[in-house]
């Protein structure tokens, strides 16, 4: 199984950006933790991050025929990017939406995910473990 972990805007600033909300681990440290867990599940994992909506859409399109699924933290685009929502629907790959923080316990504008209806599921609020849980979900639902 081959999975892309795709991160959106500002996630490259992990460890520096609002550590009380997003944690103290750097982006590289979080990616290494994810890679370690993926190896334990015998999943090949690649990483990408973009601060632009178009960059995320292009990367989603490029997943077709290459990956078996995507773990996506779309950041703030989660709440208003119909373009990313449409890209997820178009690629016909399972996508699991993840968030480090519990978006439902934060500001009201974060409570709505426009991408959730086209994702296999959503995992939020467990810090970097959210990504690990998404990989576990892929491993346990392979072929479904």
N, C-alpha and C. Protein backbone atom coordinates (compact mmCIF):
# COMPACT_ATOMS: atom_id res chain seq x y z
N UNK A 1 0.84 -1.17 0.00
CA UNK A 1 0.00 0.00 0.00
C UNK A 1 0.89 1.24 0.00
N UNK A 2 0.49 2.21 -0.80
CA UNK A 2 1.26 3.46 -0.91
C UNK A 2 0.31 4.63 -0.63
N UNK A 3 0.68 5.44 0.35
CA UNK A 3 -0.16 6.55 0.83
C UNK A 3 0.62 7.86 0.74
N UNK A 4 -0.06 8.91 0.31
CA UNK A 4 0.51 10.26 0.36
C UNK A 4 -0.05 10.97 1.58
N UNK A 5 0.84 11.57 2.37
CA UNK A 5 0.44 12.44 3.47
C UNK A 5 0.62 13.86 2.95
N UNK A 6 -0.49 14.54 2.75
CA UNK A 6 -0.49 15.87 2.14
C UNK A 6 -0.94 16.90 3.16
N UNK A 7 -0.10 17.89 3.37
CA UNK A 7 -0.37 18.93 4.36
C UNK A 7 -0.54 20.28 3.70
N UNK A 8 -1.47 21.05 4.23
CA UNK A 8 -1.80 22.35 3.67
C UNK A 8 -1.09 23.50 4.36
N UNK A 9 -1.70 24.68 4.25
CA UNK A 9 -1.04 25.91 4.66
C UNK A 9 -0.64 25.95 6.13
N UNK A 10 0.53 26.48 6.34
CA UNK A 10 1.11 26.75 7.65
C UNK A 10 1.58 25.52 8.41
N UNK A 11 1.34 24.33 7.88
CA UNK A 11 1.80 23.14 8.60
C UNK A 11 3.31 23.00 8.55
N UNK A 12 3.95 23.67 7.61
CA UNK A 12 5.41 23.70 7.58
C UNK A 12 5.98 24.44 8.79
N UNK A 13 5.14 25.18 9.50
CA UNK A 13 5.56 25.95 10.68
C UNK A 13 5.28 25.24 12.00
N UNK A 14 4.97 23.95 11.92
CA UNK A 14 4.72 23.21 13.16
C UNK A 14 5.90 23.36 14.11
N UNK A 15 5.58 23.46 15.38
CA UNK A 15 6.59 23.65 16.41
C UNK A 15 6.82 25.12 16.72
N UNK A 16 6.53 25.98 15.75
CA UNK A 16 6.69 27.43 15.93
C UNK A 16 5.33 28.14 15.99
N UNK A 17 4.37 27.61 15.26
CA UNK A 17 3.06 28.25 15.12
C UNK A 17 2.12 27.77 16.23
N UNK A 18 1.72 28.65 17.09
CA UNK A 18 0.74 28.35 18.14
C UNK A 18 0.96 26.97 18.76
N UNK A 19 2.11 26.77 19.41
CA UNK A 19 2.40 25.44 19.95
C UNK A 19 1.38 24.95 20.97
N UNK A 20 0.67 25.86 21.63
CA UNK A 20 -0.38 25.45 22.55
C UNK A 20 -1.54 24.76 21.85
N UNK A 21 -1.70 25.04 20.57
CA UNK A 21 -2.77 24.43 19.78
C UNK A 21 -2.23 23.26 18.96
N UNK A 22 -1.08 23.47 18.31
CA UNK A 22 -0.57 22.51 17.32
C UNK A 22 0.60 21.67 17.82
N UNK A 23 1.09 21.93 19.02
CA UNK A 23 2.17 21.14 19.58
C UNK A 23 3.54 21.75 19.33
N UNK A 24 4.52 21.14 19.94
CA UNK A 24 5.89 21.65 19.90
C UNK A 24 6.78 20.91 18.91
N UNK A 25 6.28 19.82 18.32
CA UNK A 25 7.08 19.05 17.37
C UNK A 25 7.17 19.78 16.04
N UNK A 26 8.35 19.76 15.44
CA UNK A 26 8.54 20.39 14.13
C UNK A 26 7.84 19.56 13.05
N UNK A 27 7.65 20.18 11.90
CA UNK A 27 7.06 19.47 10.76
C UNK A 27 7.87 18.22 10.43
N UNK A 28 9.19 18.35 10.39
CA UNK A 28 10.06 17.21 10.08
C UNK A 28 9.93 16.10 11.12
N UNK A 29 9.82 16.48 12.39
CA UNK A 29 9.67 15.48 13.46
C UNK A 29 8.34 14.74 13.33
N UNK A 30 7.29 15.47 12.99
CA UNK A 30 5.98 14.83 12.81
C UNK A 30 6.04 13.88 11.63
N UNK A 31 6.66 14.30 10.53
CA UNK A 31 6.78 13.43 9.35
C UNK A 31 7.58 12.18 9.67
N UNK A 32 8.64 12.32 10.44
CA UNK A 32 9.45 11.15 10.80
C UNK A 32 8.63 10.17 11.65
N UNK A 33 7.84 10.70 12.55
CA UNK A 33 6.98 9.84 13.39
C UNK A 33 5.97 9.09 12.53
N UNK A 34 5.40 9.78 11.56
CA UNK A 34 4.45 9.15 10.64
C UNK A 34 5.15 8.07 9.81
N UNK A 35 6.33 8.39 9.30
CA UNK A 35 7.08 7.43 8.48
C UNK A 35 7.42 6.17 9.27
N UNK A 36 7.81 6.35 10.52
CA UNK A 36 8.12 5.22 11.39
C UNK A 36 6.90 4.32 11.57
N UNK A 37 5.77 4.92 11.82
CA UNK A 37 4.54 4.15 12.01
C UNK A 37 4.14 3.46 10.71
N UNK A 38 4.29 4.16 9.59
CA UNK A 38 3.96 3.55 8.29
C UNK A 38 4.82 2.32 8.04
N UNK A 39 6.11 2.40 8.36
CA UNK A 39 6.99 1.24 8.19
C UNK A 39 6.50 0.06 9.02
N UNK A 40 6.03 0.33 10.23
CA UNK A 40 5.55 -0.76 11.09
C UNK A 40 4.30 -1.41 10.52
N UNK A 41 3.56 -0.68 9.68
CA UNK A 41 2.34 -1.20 9.05
C UNK A 41 2.60 -1.72 7.64
N UNK A 42 3.86 -1.65 7.20
CA UNK A 42 4.24 -2.05 5.85
C UNK A 42 3.53 -1.20 4.80
N UNK A 43 3.44 0.09 5.08
CA UNK A 43 2.87 1.06 4.17
C UNK A 43 4.00 1.96 3.67
N UNK A 44 4.07 2.15 2.35
CA UNK A 44 4.99 3.13 1.79
C UNK A 44 4.30 4.49 1.88
N UNK A 45 5.03 5.47 2.38
CA UNK A 45 4.43 6.78 2.59
C UNK A 45 5.33 7.86 2.01
N UNK A 46 4.71 8.81 1.33
CA UNK A 46 5.40 10.00 0.85
C UNK A 46 4.74 11.21 1.49
N UNK A 47 5.46 12.32 1.49
CA UNK A 47 4.97 13.54 2.13
C UNK A 47 5.04 14.70 1.15
N UNK A 48 4.07 15.59 1.27
CA UNK A 48 4.11 16.85 0.54
C UNK A 48 3.37 17.89 1.36
N UNK A 49 3.73 19.14 1.14
CA UNK A 49 3.11 20.25 1.85
C UNK A 49 3.07 21.43 0.91
N UNK A 50 1.95 22.14 0.90
CA UNK A 50 1.83 23.35 0.09
C UNK A 50 1.03 24.38 0.86
N UNK A 51 1.44 25.61 0.71
CA UNK A 51 0.70 26.72 1.30
C UNK A 51 -0.32 27.29 0.32
N UNK A 52 -0.40 26.73 -0.88
CA UNK A 52 -1.33 27.26 -1.88
C UNK A 52 -2.41 26.24 -2.23
N UNK A 53 -3.58 26.75 -2.45
CA UNK A 53 -4.72 25.90 -2.82
C UNK A 53 -4.45 25.16 -4.12
N UNK A 54 -3.94 25.87 -5.11
CA UNK A 54 -3.64 25.24 -6.40
C UNK A 54 -2.60 24.15 -6.28
N UNK A 55 -1.59 24.36 -5.43
CA UNK A 55 -0.57 23.35 -5.23
C UNK A 55 -1.15 22.08 -4.65
N UNK A 56 -2.08 22.21 -3.71
CA UNK A 56 -2.73 21.03 -3.11
C UNK A 56 -3.59 20.31 -4.15
N UNK A 57 -4.31 21.07 -4.95
CA UNK A 57 -5.16 20.48 -5.99
C UNK A 57 -4.31 19.73 -7.01
N UNK A 58 -3.23 20.36 -7.46
CA UNK A 58 -2.34 19.70 -8.43
C UNK A 58 -1.78 18.41 -7.85
N UNK A 59 -1.41 18.43 -6.60
CA UNK A 59 -0.84 17.23 -5.96
C UNK A 59 -1.89 16.14 -5.83
N UNK A 60 -3.13 16.51 -5.48
CA UNK A 60 -4.21 15.52 -5.43
C UNK A 60 -4.42 14.88 -6.80
N UNK A 61 -4.44 15.68 -7.85
CA UNK A 61 -4.61 15.14 -9.20
C UNK A 61 -3.49 14.16 -9.54
N UNK A 62 -2.27 14.49 -9.15
CA UNK A 62 -1.11 13.65 -9.46
C UNK A 62 -1.11 12.32 -8.70
N UNK A 63 -2.00 12.17 -7.73
CA UNK A 63 -2.07 10.92 -6.95
C UNK A 63 -2.70 9.78 -7.73
N UNK A 64 -3.51 10.10 -8.72
CA UNK A 64 -4.22 9.05 -9.46
C UNK A 64 -3.22 8.11 -10.13
N UNK A 65 -3.42 6.82 -9.90
CA UNK A 65 -2.55 5.81 -10.49
C UNK A 65 -1.22 5.64 -9.79
N UNK A 66 -0.97 6.42 -8.75
CA UNK A 66 0.31 6.36 -8.04
C UNK A 66 0.10 5.89 -6.59
N UNK A 67 -0.94 6.39 -5.96
CA UNK A 67 -1.19 6.11 -4.54
C UNK A 67 -2.49 5.34 -4.37
N UNK A 68 -2.55 4.63 -3.24
CA UNK A 68 -3.76 3.92 -2.88
C UNK A 68 -4.69 4.77 -2.03
N UNK A 69 -4.19 5.88 -1.53
CA UNK A 69 -4.99 6.78 -0.71
C UNK A 69 -4.18 7.97 -0.27
N UNK A 70 -4.89 8.91 0.36
CA UNK A 70 -4.28 10.17 0.80
C UNK A 70 -4.72 10.46 2.23
N UNK A 71 -3.77 10.84 3.05
CA UNK A 71 -4.05 11.42 4.36
C UNK A 71 -3.88 12.92 4.16
N UNK A 72 -4.96 13.67 4.35
CA UNK A 72 -4.95 15.10 4.03
C UNK A 72 -5.26 15.96 5.23
N UNK A 73 -4.33 16.85 5.55
CA UNK A 73 -4.60 17.93 6.49
C UNK A 73 -4.61 19.20 5.65
N UNK A 74 -5.78 19.63 5.26
CA UNK A 74 -5.93 20.78 4.37
C UNK A 74 -5.84 22.10 5.11
N UNK A 75 -5.61 22.05 6.42
CA UNK A 75 -5.51 23.29 7.19
C UNK A 75 -6.79 24.11 7.05
N UNK A 76 -6.64 25.40 6.97
CA UNK A 76 -7.79 26.30 6.89
C UNK A 76 -8.63 26.07 5.63
N UNK A 77 -8.03 25.53 4.57
CA UNK A 77 -8.80 25.25 3.36
C UNK A 77 -9.93 24.25 3.62
N UNK A 78 -9.81 23.47 4.67
CA UNK A 78 -10.84 22.52 5.07
C UNK A 78 -12.21 23.18 5.14
N UNK A 79 -12.23 24.42 5.57
CA UNK A 79 -13.48 25.08 5.93
C UNK A 79 -14.12 25.86 4.80
N UNK A 80 -13.41 26.03 3.67
CA UNK A 80 -14.03 26.83 2.62
C UNK A 80 -13.59 26.51 1.20
N UNK A 81 -12.70 25.54 1.00
CA UNK A 81 -12.22 25.29 -0.37
C UNK A 81 -13.07 24.24 -1.08
N UNK A 82 -14.02 24.75 -1.85
CA UNK A 82 -14.82 23.86 -2.67
C UNK A 82 -13.97 23.29 -3.81
N UNK A 83 -12.93 23.99 -4.19
CA UNK A 83 -12.03 23.50 -5.24
C UNK A 83 -11.28 22.25 -4.76
N UNK A 84 -10.81 22.25 -3.52
CA UNK A 84 -10.15 21.06 -2.98
C UNK A 84 -11.17 19.95 -2.79
N UNK A 85 -12.36 20.29 -2.35
CA UNK A 85 -13.44 19.29 -2.21
C UNK A 85 -13.70 18.62 -3.55
N UNK A 86 -13.79 19.42 -4.61
CA UNK A 86 -14.05 18.86 -5.94
C UNK A 86 -12.89 18.00 -6.44
N UNK A 87 -11.66 18.40 -6.11
CA UNK A 87 -10.49 17.60 -6.50
C UNK A 87 -10.51 16.24 -5.80
N UNK A 88 -10.86 16.23 -4.53
CA UNK A 88 -10.95 14.96 -3.80
C UNK A 88 -11.99 14.05 -4.45
N UNK A 89 -13.15 14.62 -4.77
CA UNK A 89 -14.20 13.83 -5.41
C UNK A 89 -13.76 13.32 -6.77
N UNK A 90 -13.01 14.11 -7.50
CA UNK A 90 -12.61 13.77 -8.86
C UNK A 90 -11.59 12.64 -8.92
N UNK A 91 -10.69 12.57 -7.96
CA UNK A 91 -9.60 11.58 -8.07
C UNK A 91 -10.04 10.17 -7.72
N UNK A 92 -11.17 10.02 -7.07
CA UNK A 92 -11.74 8.72 -6.73
C UNK A 92 -10.77 7.82 -5.98
N UNK A 93 -10.03 8.42 -5.07
CA UNK A 93 -9.16 7.69 -4.15
C UNK A 93 -9.68 7.94 -2.74
N UNK A 94 -9.50 6.97 -1.85
CA UNK A 94 -9.90 7.24 -0.47
C UNK A 94 -8.99 8.31 0.15
N UNK A 95 -9.62 9.29 0.76
CA UNK A 95 -8.91 10.37 1.44
C UNK A 95 -9.41 10.41 2.87
N UNK A 96 -8.48 10.43 3.80
CA UNK A 96 -8.83 10.59 5.20
C UNK A 96 -8.39 11.98 5.63
N UNK A 97 -9.34 12.76 6.09
CA UNK A 97 -9.09 14.13 6.56
C UNK A 97 -8.57 14.07 7.99
N UNK A 98 -7.47 14.75 8.24
CA UNK A 98 -6.92 14.78 9.60
C UNK A 98 -6.69 16.22 10.05
N UNK A 99 -6.74 16.39 11.36
CA UNK A 99 -6.43 17.68 11.99
C UNK A 99 -5.72 17.40 13.30
N UNK A 100 -4.73 18.21 13.59
CA UNK A 100 -4.00 18.09 14.85
C UNK A 100 -4.89 18.49 16.02
N UNK A 101 -5.63 19.59 15.85
CA UNK A 101 -6.50 20.08 16.91
C UNK A 101 -7.92 19.57 16.69
N UNK A 102 -8.74 19.67 17.72
CA UNK A 102 -10.15 19.31 17.60
C UNK A 102 -10.87 20.51 17.00
N UNK A 103 -11.11 20.47 15.70
CA UNK A 103 -11.72 21.62 15.02
C UNK A 103 -13.11 21.92 15.55
N UNK A 104 -13.76 20.95 16.15
CA UNK A 104 -15.13 21.15 16.66
C UNK A 104 -15.14 21.83 18.02
N UNK A 105 -13.98 21.96 18.64
CA UNK A 105 -13.88 22.61 19.95
C UNK A 105 -13.24 23.99 19.83
N UNK A 106 -13.05 24.45 18.61
CA UNK A 106 -12.38 25.73 18.39
C UNK A 106 -13.38 26.77 17.89
N UNK A 107 -12.90 27.78 17.22
CA UNK A 107 -13.77 28.85 16.71
C UNK A 107 -14.86 28.26 15.82
N UNK A 108 -16.00 28.90 15.84
CA UNK A 108 -17.15 28.35 15.11
C UNK A 108 -16.87 28.14 13.63
N UNK A 109 -16.10 29.02 13.00
CA UNK A 109 -15.85 28.87 11.56
C UNK A 109 -15.08 27.58 11.25
N UNK A 110 -14.40 27.01 12.25
CA UNK A 110 -13.66 25.76 12.04
C UNK A 110 -14.53 24.52 12.20
N UNK A 111 -15.75 24.67 12.65
CA UNK A 111 -16.61 23.52 12.91
C UNK A 111 -17.08 22.84 11.63
N UNK A 112 -17.12 23.56 10.52
CA UNK A 112 -17.60 23.01 9.27
C UNK A 112 -16.43 22.61 8.38
N UNK A 113 -16.49 21.40 7.89
CA UNK A 113 -15.53 20.92 6.89
C UNK A 113 -16.27 20.71 5.59
N UNK A 114 -15.90 21.47 4.56
CA UNK A 114 -16.53 21.28 3.26
C UNK A 114 -15.96 20.07 2.53
N UNK A 115 -14.81 19.55 3.00
CA UNK A 115 -14.22 18.38 2.35
C UNK A 115 -14.69 17.06 2.97
N UNK A 116 -15.20 17.09 4.19
CA UNK A 116 -15.60 15.87 4.90
C UNK A 116 -16.57 15.00 4.09
N UNK A 117 -17.56 15.57 3.42
CA UNK A 117 -18.51 14.71 2.70
C UNK A 117 -17.90 13.86 1.58
N UNK A 118 -16.72 14.23 1.09
CA UNK A 118 -16.10 13.45 0.02
C UNK A 118 -14.88 12.67 0.52
N UNK A 119 -14.65 12.70 1.82
CA UNK A 119 -13.56 11.94 2.42
C UNK A 119 -14.10 10.64 3.03
N UNK A 120 -13.23 9.64 3.14
CA UNK A 120 -13.62 8.38 3.77
C UNK A 120 -13.97 8.61 5.23
N UNK A 121 -13.22 9.49 5.90
CA UNK A 121 -13.47 9.78 7.30
C UNK A 121 -12.65 10.97 7.75
N UNK A 122 -12.87 11.35 8.99
CA UNK A 122 -12.19 12.51 9.58
C UNK A 122 -11.66 12.11 10.96
N UNK A 123 -10.41 12.49 11.21
CA UNK A 123 -9.79 12.26 12.51
C UNK A 123 -9.23 13.59 12.99
N UNK A 124 -9.65 14.03 14.17
CA UNK A 124 -9.25 15.36 14.65
C UNK A 124 -9.02 15.34 16.15
N UNK A 125 -8.05 16.12 16.57
CA UNK A 125 -7.89 16.39 17.98
C UNK A 125 -6.84 15.58 18.71
N UNK A 126 -6.10 14.75 18.02
CA UNK A 126 -5.13 13.89 18.69
C UNK A 126 -3.69 14.29 18.41
N UNK A 127 -3.48 15.53 17.98
CA UNK A 127 -2.13 15.96 17.66
C UNK A 127 -1.57 15.10 16.55
N UNK A 128 -0.26 14.85 16.54
CA UNK A 128 0.33 14.03 15.48
C UNK A 128 -0.21 12.60 15.42
N UNK A 129 -0.79 12.13 16.51
CA UNK A 129 -1.38 10.79 16.51
C UNK A 129 -2.55 10.71 15.52
N UNK A 130 -3.17 11.84 15.20
CA UNK A 130 -4.24 11.85 14.19
C UNK A 130 -3.76 11.21 12.89
N UNK A 131 -2.55 11.52 12.48
CA UNK A 131 -1.98 10.94 11.26
C UNK A 131 -1.78 9.43 11.41
N UNK A 132 -1.31 9.00 12.57
CA UNK A 132 -1.07 7.58 12.81
C UNK A 132 -2.39 6.81 12.77
N UNK A 133 -3.42 7.39 13.35
CA UNK A 133 -4.73 6.76 13.33
C UNK A 133 -5.26 6.64 11.91
N UNK A 134 -4.98 7.63 11.07
CA UNK A 134 -5.39 7.56 9.67
C UNK A 134 -4.67 6.42 8.96
N UNK A 135 -3.38 6.25 9.22
CA UNK A 135 -2.66 5.13 8.62
C UNK A 135 -3.22 3.80 9.11
N UNK A 136 -3.55 3.73 10.40
CA UNK A 136 -4.17 2.51 10.94
C UNK A 136 -5.47 2.22 10.21
N UNK A 137 -6.26 3.25 9.96
CA UNK A 137 -7.53 3.08 9.26
C UNK A 137 -7.30 2.54 7.85
N UNK A 138 -6.30 3.09 7.15
CA UNK A 138 -6.00 2.56 5.82
C UNK A 138 -5.58 1.10 5.89
N UNK A 139 -4.72 0.77 6.84
CA UNK A 139 -4.23 -0.60 6.97
C UNK A 139 -5.38 -1.57 7.27
N UNK A 140 -6.32 -1.15 8.07
CA UNK A 140 -7.40 -2.04 8.48
C UNK A 140 -8.55 -2.11 7.48
N UNK A 141 -8.60 -1.16 6.54
CA UNK A 141 -9.69 -1.15 5.57
C UNK A 141 -9.19 -1.35 4.14
N UNK A 142 -7.97 -1.83 3.98
CA UNK A 142 -7.40 -2.04 2.65
C UNK A 142 -8.35 -2.91 1.82
N UNK A 143 -8.59 -2.47 0.61
CA UNK A 143 -9.45 -3.21 -0.30
C UNK A 143 -10.93 -2.89 -0.20
N UNK A 144 -11.27 -2.05 0.74
CA UNK A 144 -12.70 -1.69 0.88
C UNK A 144 -13.02 -0.44 0.09
